[in-house]
Amino acid sequence: MSTPPPSTAVGAYITTISDTLRSAVSRRRPWFELFDLSTISRPSSVSDATVRVRKNLSYFCANYATILAVVLALSLLSHPLSLLTLLSLISAWLFLYILRPADQSLVIFNRTISHREALWILIAFTFSVIFFTNVGSLLMSSTLIGLGFVCIHGVFRDPEDLFLDDTVLANSGLFSVVLNGSATAPTVVTKV
């Protein structure tokens, strides 16, 4: 079985990423609905706050993901050295592991490195970059700030006017996006 040329692999990878982003954007709710001030109220109890967060998270999932991405992007743009470090790490993974064909060996300093060895070297390099530079603390702090915004909005926005299915609420757990993937994605009908 032959491996596709690198340009085909890159094209397939980019197509997969763009399809995933389009699917996420198609589930986005209108922003004016997210920031409607008439729906803001104080929860009556902790259990009410938990139910509100769960309902709002399942309904505004794409909007909340956008807010997290914007907070993360602004944080990285305000620290250009961390951004360059993270981009270098991502490019190392892309060129040395993800986009490299499995049957093509990597030669560094006249030593042949297998695909498995390259994986372990990249994992060690990633942990060292994340934990021994300020990239890890920057990513963690900006993620926590974004999650703080999301939780505050989820607690104080009254979800009574939201139209949620029972199946949406059943699939709104912490790992539902990862586990269900495209199972909850909307169906798109195209004209031929």
N, C-alpha and C. Protein backbone atom coordinates (compact mmCIF):
# COMPACT_ATOMS: atom_id res chain seq x y z
N MET A 1 0.84 -1.17 0.00
CA MET A 1 0.00 0.00 0.00
C MET A 1 0.89 1.24 0.00
N SER A 2 0.67 2.11 -0.93
CA SER A 2 1.52 3.29 -1.05
C SER A 2 0.93 4.44 -0.24
N THR A 3 1.84 5.28 0.25
CA THR A 3 1.39 6.45 1.00
C THR A 3 1.17 7.59 0.03
N PRO A 4 0.21 8.47 0.34
CA PRO A 4 -0.04 9.60 -0.55
C PRO A 4 1.12 10.58 -0.51
N PRO A 5 1.30 11.33 -1.60
CA PRO A 5 2.36 12.33 -1.60
C PRO A 5 2.10 13.36 -0.50
N PRO A 6 3.17 14.03 -0.03
CA PRO A 6 3.01 14.98 1.07
C PRO A 6 1.99 16.07 0.79
N SER A 7 1.90 16.55 -0.45
CA SER A 7 0.94 17.62 -0.75
C SER A 7 -0.49 17.12 -0.57
N THR A 8 -0.76 15.85 -0.88
CA THR A 8 -2.09 15.28 -0.69
C THR A 8 -2.39 15.12 0.79
N ALA A 9 -1.40 14.70 1.57
CA ALA A 9 -1.60 14.55 3.01
C ALA A 9 -1.87 15.90 3.66
N VAL A 10 -1.14 16.94 3.26
CA VAL A 10 -1.36 18.27 3.80
C VAL A 10 -2.75 18.76 3.41
N GLY A 11 -3.14 18.53 2.17
CA GLY A 11 -4.47 18.94 1.72
C GLY A 11 -5.58 18.24 2.48
N ALA A 12 -5.41 16.94 2.72
CA ALA A 12 -6.41 16.19 3.49
C ALA A 12 -6.48 16.70 4.92
N TYR A 13 -5.34 17.00 5.50
CA TYR A 13 -5.29 17.50 6.87
C TYR A 13 -5.97 18.86 6.96
N ILE A 14 -5.71 19.75 6.01
CA ILE A 14 -6.32 21.07 6.00
C ILE A 14 -7.82 20.96 5.75
N THR A 15 -8.24 20.05 4.89
CA THR A 15 -9.66 19.84 4.62
C THR A 15 -10.37 19.36 5.88
N THR A 16 -9.76 18.44 6.61
CA THR A 16 -10.37 17.95 7.85
C THR A 16 -10.52 19.06 8.87
N ILE A 17 -9.50 19.89 9.01
CA ILE A 17 -9.56 21.01 9.96
C ILE A 17 -10.64 22.00 9.54
N SER A 18 -10.71 22.34 8.25
CA SER A 18 -11.71 23.31 7.81
C SER A 18 -13.13 22.76 7.94
N ASP A 19 -13.32 21.46 7.70
CA ASP A 19 -14.65 20.86 7.89
C ASP A 19 -15.06 20.89 9.35
N THR A 20 -14.12 20.62 10.25
CA THR A 20 -14.42 20.67 11.68
C THR A 20 -14.78 22.09 12.11
N LEU A 21 -14.04 23.08 11.62
CA LEU A 21 -14.33 24.47 11.98
C LEU A 21 -15.68 24.91 11.41
N ARG A 22 -15.99 24.50 10.18
CA ARG A 22 -17.30 24.85 9.60
C ARG A 22 -18.43 24.23 10.39
N SER A 23 -18.25 22.99 10.83
CA SER A 23 -19.27 22.32 11.63
C SER A 23 -19.48 23.04 12.95
N ALA A 24 -18.39 23.47 13.58
CA ALA A 24 -18.50 24.20 14.85
C ALA A 24 -19.16 25.55 14.67
N VAL A 25 -18.82 26.26 13.59
CA VAL A 25 -19.41 27.57 13.34
C VAL A 25 -20.89 27.44 13.00
N SER A 26 -21.29 26.35 12.36
CA SER A 26 -22.70 26.18 12.01
C SER A 26 -23.57 25.98 13.25
N ARG A 27 -22.99 25.52 14.36
CA ARG A 27 -23.74 25.33 15.60
C ARG A 27 -23.73 26.58 16.49
N ARG A 28 -23.09 27.64 16.04
CA ARG A 28 -23.00 28.86 16.83
C ARG A 28 -24.36 29.54 16.89
N ARG A 29 -24.69 30.05 18.05
CA ARG A 29 -25.95 30.79 18.26
C ARG A 29 -25.69 32.28 18.03
N PRO A 30 -26.75 33.06 17.76
CA PRO A 30 -26.54 34.51 17.57
C PRO A 30 -25.96 35.16 18.82
N TRP A 31 -25.03 36.08 18.60
CA TRP A 31 -24.35 36.73 19.72
C TRP A 31 -25.29 37.59 20.55
N PHE A 32 -26.28 38.23 19.90
CA PHE A 32 -27.21 39.06 20.67
C PHE A 32 -28.04 38.20 21.63
N GLU A 33 -28.26 36.95 21.29
CA GLU A 33 -28.96 36.04 22.18
C GLU A 33 -28.08 35.69 23.38
N LEU A 34 -26.80 35.59 23.17
CA LEU A 34 -25.86 35.28 24.25
C LEU A 34 -25.77 36.44 25.24
N PHE A 35 -25.76 37.66 24.72
CA PHE A 35 -25.57 38.84 25.57
C PHE A 35 -26.87 39.60 25.84
N ASP A 36 -28.01 38.93 25.81
CA ASP A 36 -29.29 39.54 26.10
C ASP A 36 -29.37 39.84 27.60
N LEU A 37 -29.38 41.12 27.96
CA LEU A 37 -29.34 41.51 29.37
C LEU A 37 -30.66 41.23 30.09
N SER A 38 -31.75 41.06 29.36
CA SER A 38 -33.03 40.79 30.02
C SER A 38 -33.09 39.37 30.58
N THR A 39 -32.15 38.50 30.20
CA THR A 39 -32.15 37.12 30.70
C THR A 39 -31.21 36.92 31.88
N ILE A 40 -30.58 37.99 32.35
CA ILE A 40 -29.64 37.89 33.46
C ILE A 40 -30.41 37.94 34.78
N SER A 41 -30.18 36.94 35.61
CA SER A 41 -30.78 36.91 36.95
C SER A 41 -29.91 36.06 37.86
N ARG A 42 -30.13 36.23 39.15
CA ARG A 42 -29.36 35.49 40.13
C ARG A 42 -29.99 34.13 40.34
N PRO A 43 -29.20 33.06 40.36
CA PRO A 43 -29.78 31.74 40.61
C PRO A 43 -30.28 31.62 42.05
N SER A 44 -31.30 30.81 42.24
CA SER A 44 -31.90 30.68 43.57
C SER A 44 -31.12 29.76 44.49
N SER A 45 -30.37 28.82 43.91
CA SER A 45 -29.60 27.89 44.73
C SER A 45 -28.40 27.38 43.93
N VAL A 46 -27.58 26.58 44.58
CA VAL A 46 -26.42 26.00 43.91
C VAL A 46 -26.88 25.00 42.84
N SER A 47 -27.92 24.24 43.14
CA SER A 47 -28.40 23.28 42.15
C SER A 47 -29.00 24.00 40.94
N ASP A 48 -29.66 25.14 41.17
CA ASP A 48 -30.17 25.94 40.06
C ASP A 48 -29.02 26.48 39.22
N ALA A 49 -27.95 26.91 39.87
CA ALA A 49 -26.78 27.40 39.14
C ALA A 49 -26.16 26.28 38.31
N THR A 50 -26.10 25.08 38.86
CA THR A 50 -25.55 23.94 38.13
C THR A 50 -26.38 23.61 36.90
N VAL A 51 -27.71 23.62 37.06
CA VAL A 51 -28.61 23.35 35.93
C VAL A 51 -28.46 24.43 34.88
N ARG A 52 -28.35 25.68 35.31
CA ARG A 52 -28.17 26.78 34.36
C ARG A 52 -26.88 26.62 33.55
N VAL A 53 -25.79 26.32 34.25
CA VAL A 53 -24.52 26.16 33.55
C VAL A 53 -24.62 25.01 32.54
N ARG A 54 -25.23 23.91 32.94
CA ARG A 54 -25.35 22.76 32.04
C ARG A 54 -26.19 23.09 30.81
N LYS A 55 -27.32 23.76 31.01
CA LYS A 55 -28.18 24.12 29.88
C LYS A 55 -27.51 25.15 28.97
N ASN A 56 -26.93 26.18 29.58
CA ASN A 56 -26.27 27.20 28.77
C ASN A 56 -25.07 26.65 28.03
N LEU A 57 -24.34 25.74 28.67
CA LEU A 57 -23.17 25.15 28.02
C LEU A 57 -23.58 24.32 26.81
N SER A 58 -24.66 23.57 26.93
CA SER A 58 -25.09 22.76 25.79
C SER A 58 -25.67 23.62 24.68
N TYR A 59 -26.30 24.74 25.03
CA TYR A 59 -26.92 25.59 24.02
C TYR A 59 -25.90 26.52 23.35
N PHE A 60 -25.01 27.12 24.14
CA PHE A 60 -24.04 28.09 23.62
C PHE A 60 -22.64 27.50 23.49
N CYS A 61 -22.53 26.22 23.26
CA CYS A 61 -21.23 25.54 23.24
C CYS A 61 -20.26 26.18 22.23
N ALA A 62 -20.71 26.42 21.01
CA ALA A 62 -19.83 27.00 19.98
C ALA A 62 -19.46 28.43 20.33
N ASN A 63 -20.39 29.18 20.91
CA ASN A 63 -20.08 30.56 21.32
C ASN A 63 -19.06 30.58 22.44
N TYR A 64 -19.23 29.68 23.40
CA TYR A 64 -18.28 29.60 24.50
C TYR A 64 -16.90 29.17 24.00
N ALA A 65 -16.85 28.25 23.05
CA ALA A 65 -15.57 27.84 22.48
C ALA A 65 -14.90 29.01 21.76
N THR A 66 -15.70 29.85 21.11
CA THR A 66 -15.16 31.03 20.44
C THR A 66 -14.60 32.02 21.46
N ILE A 67 -15.30 32.20 22.58
CA ILE A 67 -14.82 33.10 23.62
C ILE A 67 -13.49 32.58 24.19
N LEU A 68 -13.42 31.27 24.44
CA LEU A 68 -12.17 30.69 24.94
C LEU A 68 -11.04 30.88 23.93
N ALA A 69 -11.33 30.68 22.65
CA ALA A 69 -10.30 30.84 21.62
C ALA A 69 -9.83 32.29 21.53
N VAL A 70 -10.74 33.24 21.65
CA VAL A 70 -10.36 34.65 21.59
C VAL A 70 -9.49 35.03 22.79
N VAL A 71 -9.87 34.57 23.98
CA VAL A 71 -9.06 34.87 25.18
C VAL A 71 -7.67 34.26 25.02
N LEU A 72 -7.61 33.02 24.53
CA LEU A 72 -6.32 32.37 24.32
C LEU A 72 -5.49 33.09 23.27
N ALA A 73 -6.13 33.51 22.17
CA ALA A 73 -5.41 34.22 21.11
C ALA A 73 -4.89 35.56 21.60
N LEU A 74 -5.71 36.31 22.32
CA LEU A 74 -5.26 37.60 22.85
C LEU A 74 -4.11 37.42 23.83
N SER A 75 -4.18 36.38 24.63
CA SER A 75 -3.10 36.11 25.58
C SER A 75 -1.81 35.78 24.85
N LEU A 76 -1.89 34.95 23.82
CA LEU A 76 -0.69 34.60 23.06
C LEU A 76 -0.15 35.79 22.26
N LEU A 77 -1.04 36.62 21.73
CA LEU A 77 -0.59 37.79 20.99
C LEU A 77 0.08 38.82 21.90
N SER A 78 -0.31 38.83 23.17
CA SER A 78 0.32 39.77 24.09
C SER A 78 1.69 39.26 24.57
N HIS A 79 2.00 38.01 24.30
CA HIS A 79 3.30 37.42 24.65
C HIS A 79 3.90 36.78 23.38
N PRO A 80 4.54 37.56 22.53
CA PRO A 80 5.00 37.04 21.23
C PRO A 80 6.03 35.92 21.34
N LEU A 81 6.88 35.94 22.36
CA LEU A 81 7.87 34.87 22.49
C LEU A 81 7.20 33.54 22.78
N SER A 82 6.16 33.56 23.60
CA SER A 82 5.40 32.32 23.87
C SER A 82 4.68 31.86 22.62
N LEU A 83 4.17 32.80 21.84
CA LEU A 83 3.50 32.45 20.59
C LEU A 83 4.48 31.79 19.62
N LEU A 84 5.69 32.35 19.49
CA LEU A 84 6.69 31.75 18.61
C LEU A 84 7.13 30.37 19.11
N THR A 85 7.23 30.21 20.41
CA THR A 85 7.59 28.91 20.98
C THR A 85 6.51 27.89 20.68
N LEU A 86 5.25 28.27 20.85
CA LEU A 86 4.14 27.36 20.59
C LEU A 86 4.04 27.03 19.11
N LEU A 87 4.25 28.00 18.24
CA LEU A 87 4.23 27.74 16.80
C LEU A 87 5.37 26.82 16.39
N SER A 88 6.53 26.99 17.00
CA SER A 88 7.66 26.09 16.72
C SER A 88 7.34 24.66 17.15
N LEU A 89 6.71 24.52 18.29
CA LEU A 89 6.32 23.21 18.79
C LEU A 89 5.29 22.55 17.86
N ILE A 90 4.31 23.31 17.42
CA ILE A 90 3.29 22.78 16.51
C ILE A 90 3.92 22.39 15.18
N SER A 91 4.80 23.22 14.66
CA SER A 91 5.43 22.88 13.38
C SER A 91 6.33 21.66 13.50
N ALA A 92 6.99 21.49 14.65
CA ALA A 92 7.80 20.28 14.85
C ALA A 92 6.92 19.04 14.81
N TRP A 93 5.78 19.09 15.48
CA TRP A 93 4.86 17.95 15.45
C TRP A 93 4.35 17.69 14.03
N LEU A 94 4.01 18.77 13.31
CA LEU A 94 3.48 18.59 11.95
C LEU A 94 4.50 17.96 11.02
N PHE A 95 5.70 18.50 11.00
CA PHE A 95 6.68 18.05 10.01
C PHE A 95 7.43 16.79 10.42
N LEU A 96 7.60 16.56 11.70
CA LEU A 96 8.37 15.40 12.12
C LEU A 96 7.51 14.18 12.44
N TYR A 97 6.20 14.37 12.64
CA TYR A 97 5.39 13.21 12.99
C TYR A 97 4.08 13.11 12.20
N ILE A 98 3.27 14.14 12.21
CA ILE A 98 1.92 14.03 11.63
C ILE A 98 1.95 13.93 10.12
N LEU A 99 2.69 14.80 9.45
CA LEU A 99 2.69 14.82 7.99
C LEU A 99 3.77 13.95 7.37
N ARG A 100 4.65 13.38 8.16
CA ARG A 100 5.71 12.51 7.64
C ARG A 100 5.16 11.11 7.44
N PRO A 101 5.34 10.53 6.26
CA PRO A 101 4.86 9.15 6.03
C PRO A 101 5.53 8.18 7.00
N ALA A 102 4.78 7.16 7.42
CA ALA A 102 5.28 6.22 8.42
C ALA A 102 6.45 5.38 7.90
N ASP A 103 6.51 5.15 6.60
CA ASP A 103 7.60 4.33 6.07
C ASP A 103 8.86 5.14 5.78
N GLN A 104 8.81 6.45 5.90
CA GLN A 104 9.97 7.30 5.66
C GLN A 104 10.72 7.51 6.97
N SER A 105 11.98 7.13 6.99
CA SER A 105 12.77 7.27 8.21
C SER A 105 13.34 8.68 8.30
N LEU A 106 13.58 9.10 9.51
CA LEU A 106 14.12 10.41 9.79
C LEU A 106 15.59 10.24 10.18
N VAL A 107 16.48 11.00 9.54
CA VAL A 107 17.91 10.89 9.83
C VAL A 107 18.38 12.20 10.44
N ILE A 108 18.88 12.11 11.68
CA ILE A 108 19.41 13.27 12.39
C ILE A 108 20.79 12.90 12.90
N PHE A 109 21.80 13.69 12.53
CA PHE A 109 23.20 13.46 12.91
C PHE A 109 23.64 12.04 12.55
N ASN A 110 23.34 11.62 11.33
CA ASN A 110 23.71 10.30 10.79
C ASN A 110 23.11 9.14 11.60
N ARG A 111 22.04 9.38 12.27
CA ARG A 111 21.34 8.33 13.02
C ARG A 111 19.91 8.26 12.52
N THR A 112 19.47 7.07 12.18
CA THR A 112 18.11 6.87 11.70
C THR A 112 17.17 6.75 12.89
N ILE A 113 16.11 7.56 12.86
CA ILE A 113 15.13 7.58 13.94
C ILE A 113 13.81 7.05 13.41
N SER A 114 13.26 6.04 14.09
CA SER A 114 12.00 5.45 13.66
C SER A 114 10.84 6.37 14.00
N HIS A 115 9.66 6.00 13.52
CA HIS A 115 8.45 6.77 13.78
C HIS A 115 8.13 6.78 15.28
N ARG A 116 8.30 5.64 15.95
CA ARG A 116 8.03 5.54 17.38
C ARG A 116 9.03 6.37 18.18
N GLU A 117 10.29 6.33 17.82
CA GLU A 117 11.29 7.14 18.52
C GLU A 117 11.02 8.63 18.34
N ALA A 118 10.60 9.00 17.13
CA ALA A 118 10.26 10.41 16.87
C ALA A 118 9.09 10.84 17.75
N LEU A 119 8.12 9.95 17.94
CA LEU A 119 6.99 10.25 18.80
C LEU A 119 7.44 10.51 20.23
N TRP A 120 8.28 9.65 20.78
CA TRP A 120 8.74 9.81 22.15
C TRP A 120 9.62 11.05 22.31
N ILE A 121 10.43 11.35 21.32
CA ILE A 121 11.26 12.56 21.38
C ILE A 121 10.37 13.80 21.37
N LEU A 122 9.34 13.80 20.51
CA LEU A 122 8.43 14.94 20.46
C LEU A 122 7.63 15.09 21.75
N ILE A 123 7.22 13.99 22.34
CA ILE A 123 6.50 14.06 23.62
C ILE A 123 7.39 14.66 24.70
N ALA A 124 8.63 14.19 24.78
CA ALA A 124 9.56 14.74 25.78
C ALA A 124 9.84 16.22 25.52
N PHE A 125 10.00 16.58 24.25
CA PHE A 125 10.24 17.97 23.88
C PHE A 125 9.03 18.84 24.25
N THR A 126 7.82 18.33 24.00
CA THR A 126 6.61 19.07 24.32
C THR A 126 6.49 19.31 25.82
N PHE A 127 6.70 18.26 26.63
CA PHE A 127 6.62 18.43 28.08
C PHE A 127 7.67 19.41 28.58
N SER A 128 8.88 19.34 28.03
CA SER A 128 9.92 20.26 28.49
C SER A 128 9.58 21.70 28.10
N VAL A 129 9.03 21.90 26.92
CA VAL A 129 8.66 23.26 26.50
C VAL A 129 7.51 23.78 27.34
N ILE A 130 6.51 22.94 27.57
CA ILE A 130 5.34 23.38 28.33
C ILE A 130 5.68 23.66 29.79
N PHE A 131 6.47 22.78 30.41
CA PHE A 131 6.70 22.91 31.85
C PHE A 131 7.91 23.75 32.23
N PHE A 132 8.87 23.91 31.34
CA PHE A 132 10.06 24.66 31.70
C PHE A 132 10.12 26.05 31.08
N THR A 133 9.10 26.43 30.36
CA THR A 133 9.00 27.80 29.85
C THR A 133 7.69 28.39 30.38
N ASN A 134 7.43 29.64 30.06
CA ASN A 134 6.20 30.25 30.54
C ASN A 134 5.01 29.96 29.62
N VAL A 135 5.18 29.13 28.60
CA VAL A 135 4.09 28.80 27.69
C VAL A 135 2.99 28.05 28.43
N GLY A 136 3.36 27.10 29.26
CA GLY A 136 2.36 26.33 30.00
C GLY A 136 1.55 27.18 30.94
N SER A 137 2.21 28.06 31.68
CA SER A 137 1.47 28.92 32.61
C SER A 137 0.61 29.92 31.87
N LEU A 138 1.08 30.40 30.72
CA LEU A 138 0.28 31.32 29.92
C LEU A 138 -0.97 30.63 29.38
N LEU A 139 -0.80 29.42 28.85
CA LEU A 139 -1.96 28.68 28.33
C LEU A 139 -2.94 28.34 29.45
N MET A 140 -2.42 27.95 30.60
CA MET A 140 -3.29 27.58 31.72
C MET A 140 -4.04 28.79 32.26
N SER A 141 -3.34 29.89 32.44
CA SER A 141 -4.00 31.08 33.01
C SER A 141 -5.04 31.65 32.04
N SER A 142 -4.72 31.69 30.75
CA SER A 142 -5.70 32.23 29.80
C SER A 142 -6.90 31.29 29.66
N THR A 143 -6.67 29.98 29.74
CA THR A 143 -7.79 29.03 29.70
C THR A 143 -8.67 29.19 30.93
N LEU A 144 -8.07 29.37 32.09
CA LEU A 144 -8.85 29.56 33.32
C LEU A 144 -9.62 30.88 33.30
N ILE A 145 -9.04 31.93 32.73
CA ILE A 145 -9.76 33.20 32.60
C ILE A 145 -10.96 33.03 31.67
N GLY A 146 -10.77 32.36 30.53
CA GLY A 146 -11.87 32.11 29.61
C GLY A 146 -12.95 31.25 30.24
N LEU A 147 -12.55 30.20 30.98
CA LEU A 147 -13.53 29.37 31.66
C LEU A 147 -14.26 30.14 32.75
N GLY A 148 -13.58 31.09 33.37
CA GLY A 148 -14.24 31.95 34.35
C GLY A 148 -15.35 32.78 33.72
N PHE A 149 -15.05 33.38 32.57
CA PHE A 149 -16.08 34.14 31.84
C PHE A 149 -17.27 33.24 31.49
N VAL A 150 -16.96 32.05 30.99
CA VAL A 150 -18.01 31.12 30.57
C VAL A 150 -18.86 30.71 31.78
N CYS A 151 -18.24 30.38 32.89
CA CYS A 151 -18.99 29.95 34.08
C CYS A 151 -19.84 31.08 34.65
N ILE A 152 -19.29 32.28 34.70
CA ILE A 152 -20.07 33.42 35.21
C ILE A 152 -21.28 33.66 34.33
N HIS A 153 -21.10 33.63 33.01
CA HIS A 153 -22.24 33.81 32.11
C HIS A 153 -23.23 32.67 32.27
N GLY A 154 -22.74 31.45 32.36
CA GLY A 154 -23.63 30.30 32.47
C GLY A 154 -24.44 30.30 33.75
N VAL A 155 -23.87 30.81 34.83
CA VAL A 155 -24.59 30.85 36.11
C VAL A 155 -25.66 31.93 36.10
N PHE A 156 -25.35 33.09 35.55
CA PHE A 156 -26.28 34.22 35.66
C PHE A 156 -27.26 34.35 34.49
N ARG A 157 -27.08 33.63 33.41
CA ARG A 157 -28.06 33.71 32.32
C ARG A 157 -29.15 32.68 32.55
N ASP A 158 -30.39 33.15 32.59
CA ASP A 158 -31.53 32.28 32.83
C ASP A 158 -31.87 31.56 31.52
N PRO A 159 -31.78 30.24 31.48
CA PRO A 159 -31.99 29.50 30.23
C PRO A 159 -33.44 29.12 29.96
N GLU A 160 -34.40 29.78 30.61
CA GLU A 160 -35.80 29.41 30.45
C GLU A 160 -36.30 29.60 29.02
N ASP A 161 -35.76 30.57 28.28
CA ASP A 161 -36.24 30.83 26.93
C ASP A 161 -35.51 30.00 25.87
N LEU A 162 -34.57 29.16 26.28
CA LEU A 162 -33.82 28.34 25.34
C LEU A 162 -34.61 27.09 25.01
N PHE A 163 -34.59 26.68 23.75
CA PHE A 163 -35.30 25.49 23.32
C PHE A 163 -34.31 24.35 23.20
N LEU A 164 -34.27 23.50 24.22
CA LEU A 164 -33.32 22.39 24.26
C LEU A 164 -34.07 21.08 24.19
N ASP A 165 -33.53 20.14 23.44
CA ASP A 165 -34.06 18.79 23.42
C ASP A 165 -33.51 18.01 24.60
N ASP A 166 -34.22 16.95 24.98
CA ASP A 166 -33.69 16.08 26.03
C ASP A 166 -32.43 15.37 25.57
N THR A 167 -32.32 15.09 24.25
CA THR A 167 -31.11 14.43 23.75
C THR A 167 -29.92 15.36 23.82
N VAL A 168 -30.14 16.66 23.65
CA VAL A 168 -29.05 17.62 23.75
C VAL A 168 -28.54 17.67 25.18
N LEU A 169 -29.46 17.68 26.15
CA LEU A 169 -29.05 17.70 27.55
C LEU A 169 -28.38 16.41 27.95
N ALA A 170 -28.83 15.28 27.39
CA ALA A 170 -28.20 14.00 27.74
C ALA A 170 -26.79 13.92 27.21
N ASN A 171 -26.52 14.59 26.08
CA ASN A 171 -25.19 14.55 25.47
C ASN A 171 -24.35 15.76 25.83
N SER A 172 -24.66 16.44 26.94
CA SER A 172 -23.94 17.67 27.26
C SER A 172 -22.93 17.50 28.38
N GLY A 173 -22.41 16.29 28.57
CA GLY A 173 -21.42 16.06 29.60
C GLY A 173 -20.09 16.67 29.25
N LEU A 174 -19.14 16.49 30.11
CA LEU A 174 -17.83 17.10 29.94
C LEU A 174 -17.12 16.62 28.68
N PHE A 175 -17.20 15.32 28.40
CA PHE A 175 -16.49 14.77 27.25
C PHE A 175 -17.43 14.46 26.09
N SER A 176 -18.61 15.05 26.03
CA SER A 176 -19.56 14.72 24.98
C SER A 176 -19.06 15.10 23.60
N VAL A 177 -18.33 16.21 23.50
CA VAL A 177 -17.82 16.63 22.21
C VAL A 177 -16.80 15.63 21.69
N VAL A 178 -15.95 15.14 22.59
CA VAL A 178 -14.91 14.21 22.18
C VAL A 178 -15.49 12.83 21.89
N LEU A 179 -16.39 12.38 22.77
CA LEU A 179 -16.91 11.03 22.63
C LEU A 179 -17.92 10.91 21.50
N ASN A 180 -18.80 11.90 21.35
CA ASN A 180 -19.84 11.81 20.33
C ASN A 180 -19.37 12.36 18.99
N GLY A 181 -18.48 13.32 19.01
CA GLY A 181 -17.92 13.88 17.79
C GLY A 181 -18.98 14.41 16.86
N SER A 182 -19.08 13.80 15.69
CA SER A 182 -20.02 14.30 14.69
C SER A 182 -21.40 13.70 14.86
N ALA A 183 -21.63 12.92 15.89
CA ALA A 183 -22.94 12.30 16.09
C ALA A 183 -24.00 13.36 16.38
N THR A 184 -23.61 14.48 16.99
CA THR A 184 -24.57 15.52 17.29
C THR A 184 -24.49 16.67 16.31
N ALA A 185 -23.68 16.54 15.28
CA ALA A 185 -23.55 17.62 14.31
C ALA A 185 -24.81 17.72 13.48
N PRO A 186 -25.22 18.93 13.12
CA PRO A 186 -26.44 19.10 12.33
C PRO A 186 -26.26 18.55 10.93
N THR A 187 -27.36 18.09 10.36
CA THR A 187 -27.34 17.56 9.01
C THR A 187 -27.51 18.70 8.03
N VAL A 188 -26.69 18.73 7.00
CA VAL A 188 -26.75 19.77 6.01
C VAL A 188 -27.23 19.14 4.71
N VAL A 189 -28.27 19.74 4.13
CA VAL A 189 -28.80 19.24 2.87
C VAL A 189 -28.32 20.17 1.76
N THR A 190 -27.74 19.57 0.73
CA THR A 190 -27.23 20.37 -0.39
C THR A 190 -28.01 20.04 -1.64
N LYS A 191 -28.10 21.00 -2.52
CA LYS A 191 -28.76 20.80 -3.81
C LYS A 191 -27.76 20.28 -4.80
N VAL A 192 -28.17 19.32 -5.59
CA VAL A 192 -27.27 18.77 -6.59
C VAL A 192 -27.62 19.30 -7.95
